[in-house]
Amino acid sequence: MSKKTILIVDDEEVIREFLTEVLSEEFFVSTATDGDEAIEQLTHKQFDLVITDMKMERVQGEEVVKFTKETYPTSEVIVISGYSSLYSVGQTVNSGAFAFLSKPFSIKELMNTVNEAVGM
C-alpha cells in the first residue's frame, strides 16, 4: 500500500516542523505557511488529508476547509487551533472538516485522529 499524502497548513514554523516530524514516518508530508499557499498547492494536487490551523494571516483555516472540500470531496480536513469555542468547532465541522483538535494536543490524539481520517 502506498503512503497517504498530508498537507500541513500553519503559520507557526514550530508547529509545521513538529507535525512533519511526527507524521513523515508514515505519510508523505507537504507544508504550507498560510492559507494562500495551501490553496495554491491544492489547485495542483489532491492530498488525502489536510491539517490546517484555524487562525492565520490573510486566508483563514475555514477557507482552506471550504476550498479543499469543494475541490476534492474525498479529501479529509482536520482543523487545529489554540482558539477553540463551541461556535468555532461547530462552524468548522459544518464547513466539512473531519475533526477539530484544540492546541495543545497529544501525539496519541493526533495520530488517532489522522489514522481515522485516512481510514487506517
Protein backbone atom coordinates (compact mmCIF):
# COMPACT_ATOMS: atom_id res chain seq x y z
CA MET A 1 0.00 0.00 0.00
CA SER A 2 1.35 3.44 -0.90
CA LYS A 3 1.77 6.14 1.71
CA LYS A 4 -1.09 8.61 2.10
CA THR A 5 -0.41 12.30 1.47
CA ILE A 6 -0.88 15.08 4.02
CA LEU A 7 -0.72 18.84 3.63
CA ILE A 8 0.08 20.71 6.85
CA VAL A 9 -1.01 24.37 6.91
CA ASP A 10 0.15 26.55 9.80
CA ASP A 11 1.74 29.98 10.05
CA GLU A 12 3.84 28.84 13.02
CA GLU A 13 7.05 27.18 11.84
CA VAL A 14 7.46 25.20 15.07
CA ILE A 15 4.01 23.60 14.60
CA ARG A 16 4.73 22.72 10.95
CA GLU A 17 8.07 21.17 11.92
CA PHE A 18 6.55 19.23 14.85
CA LEU A 19 3.70 17.83 12.75
CA THR A 20 6.06 16.97 9.90
CA GLU A 21 8.40 15.13 12.25
CA VAL A 22 5.56 13.16 13.84
CA LEU A 23 3.77 12.29 10.60
CA SER A 24 6.54 11.86 8.00
CA GLU A 25 7.41 8.33 9.09
CA GLU A 26 4.00 7.02 8.00
CA PHE A 27 2.89 9.63 5.43
CA PHE A 28 4.17 11.81 2.59
CA VAL A 29 4.03 15.30 4.12
CA SER A 30 3.96 18.69 2.41
CA THR A 31 3.65 22.02 4.17
CA ALA A 32 2.20 25.47 3.55
CA THR A 33 2.94 28.58 5.59
CA ASP A 34 -0.55 30.07 5.21
CA GLY A 35 -3.96 29.59 3.64
CA ASP A 36 -2.94 31.26 0.36
CA GLU A 37 -0.05 28.85 -0.12
CA ALA A 38 -2.27 25.90 0.81
CA ILE A 39 -4.91 26.83 -1.76
CA GLU A 40 -2.18 27.31 -4.38
CA GLN A 41 -0.87 23.78 -3.67
CA LEU A 42 -4.41 22.37 -3.66
CA THR A 43 -5.08 23.78 -7.13
CA HIS A 44 -2.34 21.48 -8.45
CA LYS A 45 -2.56 18.40 -6.26
CA GLN A 46 -5.03 16.43 -4.19
CA PHE A 47 -3.97 15.37 -0.70
CA ASP A 48 -5.60 12.55 1.24
CA LEU A 49 -5.64 14.78 4.32
CA VAL A 50 -5.20 18.49 5.04
CA ILE A 51 -4.32 19.59 8.57
CA THR A 52 -4.86 23.32 8.91
CA ASP A 53 -4.63 25.92 11.63
CA MET A 54 -7.79 27.97 12.09
CA LYS A 55 -6.32 31.44 12.68
CA MET A 56 -3.77 32.63 10.12
CA GLU A 57 -2.91 35.86 8.33
CA ARG A 58 -4.87 36.63 5.15
CA VAL A 59 -6.69 33.35 4.38
CA GLN A 60 -8.15 31.60 7.44
CA GLY A 61 -8.38 27.86 8.02
CA GLU A 62 -12.11 27.88 7.36
CA GLU A 63 -11.42 28.97 3.77
CA VAL A 64 -8.89 26.15 3.40
CA VAL A 65 -11.54 23.69 4.62
CA LYS A 66 -14.15 25.01 2.16
CA PHE A 67 -11.74 25.05 -0.79
CA THR A 68 -10.49 21.53 -0.04
CA LYS A 69 -13.96 20.02 0.33
CA GLU A 70 -15.34 21.80 -2.75
CA THR A 71 -12.36 20.81 -4.90
CA TYR A 72 -11.71 17.32 -3.53
CA PRO A 73 -14.79 15.97 -1.71
CA THR A 74 -12.96 12.73 -0.81
CA SER A 75 -10.10 14.56 0.95
CA GLU A 76 -10.44 14.93 4.70
CA VAL A 77 -9.54 18.00 6.75
CA ILE A 78 -8.51 18.29 10.38
CA VAL A 79 -8.54 21.77 11.90
CA ILE A 80 -6.19 22.62 14.76
CA SER A 81 -6.40 25.76 16.85
CA GLY A 82 -5.46 27.29 20.13
CA TYR A 83 -8.65 29.36 19.90
CA SER A 84 -11.50 26.93 20.33
CA SER A 85 -15.06 27.70 21.22
CA LEU A 86 -18.21 25.69 20.63
CA TYR A 87 -19.06 28.13 17.86
CA SER A 88 -15.73 27.71 16.04
CA VAL A 89 -15.82 23.92 16.41
CA GLY A 90 -19.39 23.80 15.08
CA GLN A 91 -18.58 26.17 12.24
CA THR A 92 -15.55 24.08 11.26
CA VAL A 93 -17.50 20.82 11.22
CA ASN A 94 -20.33 22.46 9.28
CA SER A 95 -17.75 23.56 6.69
CA GLY A 96 -16.87 19.89 6.14
CA ALA A 97 -13.93 19.30 8.46
CA PHE A 98 -13.47 15.74 9.68
CA ALA A 99 -12.29 16.82 13.14
CA PHE A 100 -11.18 19.74 15.29
CA LEU A 101 -8.18 19.43 17.62
CA SER A 102 -7.53 22.06 20.29
CA LYS A 103 -3.91 23.04 20.87
CA PRO A 104 -2.14 21.66 22.76
CA PHE A 105 -2.96 18.11 21.71
CA SER A 106 -1.09 14.89 22.40
CA ILE A 107 0.75 12.90 19.75
CA LYS A 108 -1.57 9.97 20.51
CA GLU A 109 -4.66 12.15 19.98
CA LEU A 110 -3.18 13.49 16.72
CA MET A 111 -2.25 10.04 15.39
CA ASN A 112 -5.62 8.53 16.32
CA THR A 113 -7.46 11.35 14.54
CA VAL A 114 -5.17 11.25 11.48
CA ASN A 115 -5.45 7.46 11.12
CA GLU A 116 -9.22 7.64 11.49
CA ALA A 117 -9.41 10.41 8.86
CA VAL A 118 -7.38 8.48 6.27
CA GLY A 119 -9.02 5.14 7.04
CA MET A 120 -6.04 3.38 8.59
